[in-house]
Amino acid sequence: MAQSSGNPASRASGVSLVELVVAMFIAGVVISIVMSSWTFVARHTELQKRKSEFYAQTEQMGSIIANEIRTSPRVILFDASGITFVASRGGDTVTYRLNNDSLRKNGAAIPFVADGATVVKFSIEKEEMPRAPVPPGEQNETQDLTLVVTLGTQDRTGLTSEIRNRVKTRYVEAADAFEKNQWNY
């Protein structure tokens, strides 16, 4: 018969193999949870950064177009998918038109910095405002006119962004002008 030592401290001084395996398993689970959480946060942060840049780029492009129209001395013509106006500097004619999935300025595609992004919507609409009729024989008066410029984009992952800018212009209808409509800032 073997005698056991009555000292409990001598028995607890070592670590058993089972305890070591359990401790390693728990440490592995904790490390894997921390790593997956860190990966999720990093991926989510990158996605939000990409979205933010994409939205900002769409807004910037829409604002540039709206500003060019706003500062133009006159709009020559516009329809649902494009606009032609006189540039404020140099007097050249500028045309923006949506062609398939690219927005074109004077026929050249406007590059998009976002990878795989396309322009899916570009429209110019006249915002209707009530106005008093001009009596026959009287001179037409200058009137305010508001155009709504809408730009919609989509990236390769399906993320979409749409920006609408209101552009206030001055409108003078000249009965004897070659072109029926003239737009002045």
Protein backbone atom coordinates (compact mmCIF):
# COMPACT_ATOMS: atom_id res chain seq x y z
CA MET A 1 0.00 0.00 0.00
CA ALA A 2 1.34 3.33 -1.02
CA GLN A 3 1.06 6.21 1.22
CA SER A 4 0.08 9.57 -0.10
CA SER A 5 1.56 12.63 1.22
CA GLY A 6 -0.82 14.67 3.29
CA ASN A 7 0.54 17.93 1.94
CA PRO A 8 -2.04 19.40 -0.56
CA ALA A 9 0.42 22.06 -1.80
CA SER A 10 2.71 19.48 -3.30
CA ARG A 11 -0.13 18.12 -5.39
CA ALA A 12 -1.27 21.54 -6.79
CA SER A 13 2.18 22.75 -7.76
CA GLY A 14 2.09 21.24 -11.29
CA VAL A 15 -0.20 21.66 -14.30
CA SER A 16 -1.82 18.61 -15.72
CA LEU A 17 -1.96 17.94 -19.42
CA VAL A 18 -5.77 18.31 -19.42
CA GLU A 19 -5.56 21.76 -17.82
CA LEU A 20 -2.96 22.84 -20.37
CA VAL A 21 -5.11 21.67 -23.30
CA VAL A 22 -8.19 23.45 -21.89
CA ALA A 23 -6.22 26.69 -21.38
CA MET A 24 -4.84 26.53 -24.93
CA PHE A 25 -8.33 25.89 -26.32
CA ILE A 26 -9.79 28.89 -24.47
CA ALA A 27 -6.87 31.09 -25.58
CA GLY A 28 -7.40 29.94 -29.19
CA VAL A 29 -11.12 30.77 -29.05
CA VAL A 30 -10.42 34.23 -27.60
CA ILE A 31 -7.74 34.96 -30.22
CA SER A 32 -10.02 33.80 -33.04
CA ILE A 33 -12.89 36.00 -31.79
CA VAL A 34 -10.57 39.01 -31.54
CA MET A 35 -9.13 38.39 -35.04
CA SER A 36 -12.55 37.91 -36.67
CA SER A 37 -13.86 41.04 -34.96
CA TRP A 38 -10.83 43.01 -36.12
CA THR A 39 -11.26 41.69 -39.68
CA PHE A 40 -14.97 42.60 -39.64
CA VAL A 41 -14.26 46.12 -38.38
CA ALA A 42 -11.47 46.64 -40.93
CA ARG A 43 -13.66 45.39 -43.81
CA HIS A 44 -16.60 47.51 -42.65
CA THR A 45 -14.37 50.59 -42.32
CA GLU A 46 -12.99 50.09 -45.84
CA LEU A 47 -16.51 49.66 -47.24
CA GLN A 48 -17.71 52.85 -45.54
CA LYS A 49 -14.66 54.74 -46.83
CA ARG A 50 -15.34 53.52 -50.39
CA LYS A 51 -19.03 54.49 -50.11
CA SER A 52 -18.14 57.92 -48.76
CA GLU A 53 -15.66 58.57 -51.57
CA PHE A 54 -18.17 57.34 -54.17
CA TYR A 55 -20.95 59.59 -52.83
CA ALA A 56 -18.57 62.57 -52.60
CA GLN A 57 -17.38 62.03 -56.16
CA THR A 58 -20.96 61.91 -57.48
CA GLU A 59 -21.82 65.06 -55.56
CA GLN A 60 -18.71 66.84 -56.82
CA MET A 61 -19.42 65.92 -60.44
CA GLY A 62 -23.05 67.08 -60.13
CA SER A 63 -21.99 70.35 -58.49
CA ILE A 64 -19.42 71.08 -61.21
CA ILE A 65 -22.04 70.60 -63.94
CA ALA A 66 -24.62 72.69 -62.06
CA ASN A 67 -22.08 75.48 -61.50
CA GLU A 68 -21.13 75.54 -65.19
CA ILE A 69 -24.82 75.90 -66.10
CA ARG A 70 -25.41 78.50 -63.38
CA THR A 71 -22.56 80.71 -64.57
CA SER A 72 -23.36 80.29 -68.25
CA PRO A 73 -24.56 83.43 -70.03
CA ARG A 74 -27.19 81.36 -71.81
CA VAL A 75 -28.53 77.86 -72.26
CA ILE A 76 -29.08 77.02 -75.90
CA LEU A 77 -31.17 73.89 -75.45
CA PHE A 78 -31.91 71.12 -73.01
CA ASP A 79 -33.93 67.94 -72.96
CA ALA A 80 -34.38 64.99 -70.65
CA SER A 81 -30.90 63.52 -71.28
CA GLY A 82 -28.67 66.48 -72.06
CA ILE A 83 -27.99 70.18 -72.17
CA THR A 84 -26.11 72.58 -74.44
CA PHE A 85 -25.04 76.00 -73.17
CA VAL A 86 -22.48 78.74 -73.74
CA ALA A 87 -19.48 78.51 -71.42
CA SER A 88 -18.92 81.45 -69.10
CA ARG A 89 -15.27 81.69 -70.17
CA GLY A 90 -14.34 81.82 -73.81
CA GLY A 91 -17.88 81.64 -75.16
CA ASP A 92 -17.50 78.06 -76.41
CA THR A 93 -20.51 75.79 -76.61
CA VAL A 94 -20.58 73.01 -74.00
CA THR A 95 -22.75 69.91 -74.32
CA TYR A 96 -23.37 67.33 -71.59
CA ARG A 97 -25.17 64.20 -72.75
CA LEU A 98 -25.67 60.71 -71.33
CA ASN A 99 -24.55 58.07 -73.83
CA ASN A 100 -25.16 54.48 -72.68
CA ASP A 101 -23.35 54.31 -69.34
CA SER A 102 -21.03 57.28 -69.69
CA LEU A 103 -21.60 60.97 -69.28
CA ARG A 104 -19.98 62.88 -72.12
CA LYS A 105 -18.84 66.49 -72.24
CA ASN A 106 -18.54 67.68 -75.85
CA GLY A 107 -18.39 64.04 -76.95
CA ALA A 108 -15.56 62.96 -74.63
CA ALA A 109 -16.37 60.60 -71.75
CA ILE A 110 -15.96 62.10 -68.30
CA PRO A 111 -13.72 59.71 -66.34
CA PHE A 112 -14.92 58.41 -63.00
CA VAL A 113 -12.27 57.79 -60.35
CA ALA A 114 -14.27 55.07 -58.57
CA ASP A 115 -13.38 51.65 -59.97
CA GLY A 116 -16.05 50.35 -62.32
CA ALA A 117 -18.47 53.23 -61.70
CA THR A 118 -20.90 54.29 -64.41
CA VAL A 119 -23.39 57.10 -64.85
CA VAL A 120 -26.85 55.56 -64.98
CA LYS A 121 -28.93 58.73 -64.96
CA PHE A 122 -28.47 62.27 -66.21
CA SER A 123 -31.44 64.53 -66.69
CA ILE A 124 -32.27 68.20 -66.95
CA GLU A 125 -35.80 69.22 -66.07
CA LYS A 126 -37.51 72.57 -65.89
CA GLU A 127 -39.04 73.17 -62.49
CA GLU A 128 -42.44 74.65 -63.16
CA MET A 129 -43.18 77.91 -61.43
CA PRO A 130 -46.45 79.81 -61.80
CA ARG A 131 -46.19 82.99 -63.82
CA ALA A 132 -48.58 85.66 -64.94
CA PRO A 133 -49.43 85.71 -68.65
CA VAL A 134 -48.00 88.59 -70.72
CA PRO A 135 -50.76 90.66 -72.38
CA PRO A 136 -50.60 90.77 -76.21
CA GLY A 137 -48.42 93.58 -77.57
CA GLU A 138 -46.39 94.05 -74.38
CA GLN A 139 -42.69 93.28 -73.98
CA ASN A 140 -41.88 89.96 -72.34
CA GLU A 141 -40.19 90.44 -68.97
CA THR A 142 -37.21 88.66 -67.56
CA GLN A 143 -38.25 85.77 -65.36
CA ASP A 144 -36.53 83.43 -62.98
CA LEU A 145 -36.32 79.84 -64.14
CA THR A 146 -35.09 76.85 -62.17
CA LEU A 147 -33.57 73.78 -63.80
CA VAL A 148 -33.13 70.55 -61.87
CA VAL A 149 -29.93 68.70 -62.82
CA THR A 150 -30.01 65.04 -61.72
CA LEU A 151 -26.94 62.80 -61.81
CA GLY A 152 -27.17 59.13 -60.83
CA THR A 153 -24.18 56.78 -60.62
CA GLN A 154 -23.61 53.11 -59.84
CA ASP A 155 -20.41 51.26 -58.97
CA ARG A 156 -19.41 47.69 -59.82
CA THR A 157 -20.90 46.33 -56.58
CA GLY A 158 -24.33 47.83 -57.25
CA LEU A 159 -23.97 50.78 -54.88
CA THR A 160 -25.91 53.75 -56.26
CA SER A 161 -25.77 57.48 -55.64
CA GLU A 162 -28.04 60.21 -56.96
CA ILE A 163 -27.58 63.94 -56.62
CA ARG A 164 -30.06 66.64 -57.61
CA ASN A 165 -29.00 70.26 -58.00
CA ARG A 166 -31.35 73.16 -58.58
CA VAL A 167 -29.92 75.80 -60.88
CA LYS A 168 -31.59 79.20 -60.93
CA THR A 169 -31.24 81.09 -64.18
CA ARG A 170 -32.74 84.18 -65.76
CA TYR A 171 -34.97 83.62 -68.77
CA VAL A 172 -35.85 86.15 -71.45
CA GLU A 173 -38.12 85.13 -74.27
CA ALA A 174 -37.21 87.13 -77.37
CA ALA A 175 -39.80 86.97 -80.14
CA ASP A 176 -37.41 88.12 -82.88
CA ALA A 177 -34.42 85.95 -81.90
CA PHE A 178 -33.15 83.24 -84.22
CA GLU A 179 -33.36 80.71 -81.45
CA LYS A 180 -36.71 80.54 -79.77
CA ASN A 181 -35.37 80.27 -76.22
CA GLN A 182 -32.59 82.28 -74.65
CA TRP A 183 -31.28 81.78 -71.15
CA ASN A 184 -29.34 84.36 -69.23
CA TYR A 185 -27.81 84.20 -65.80
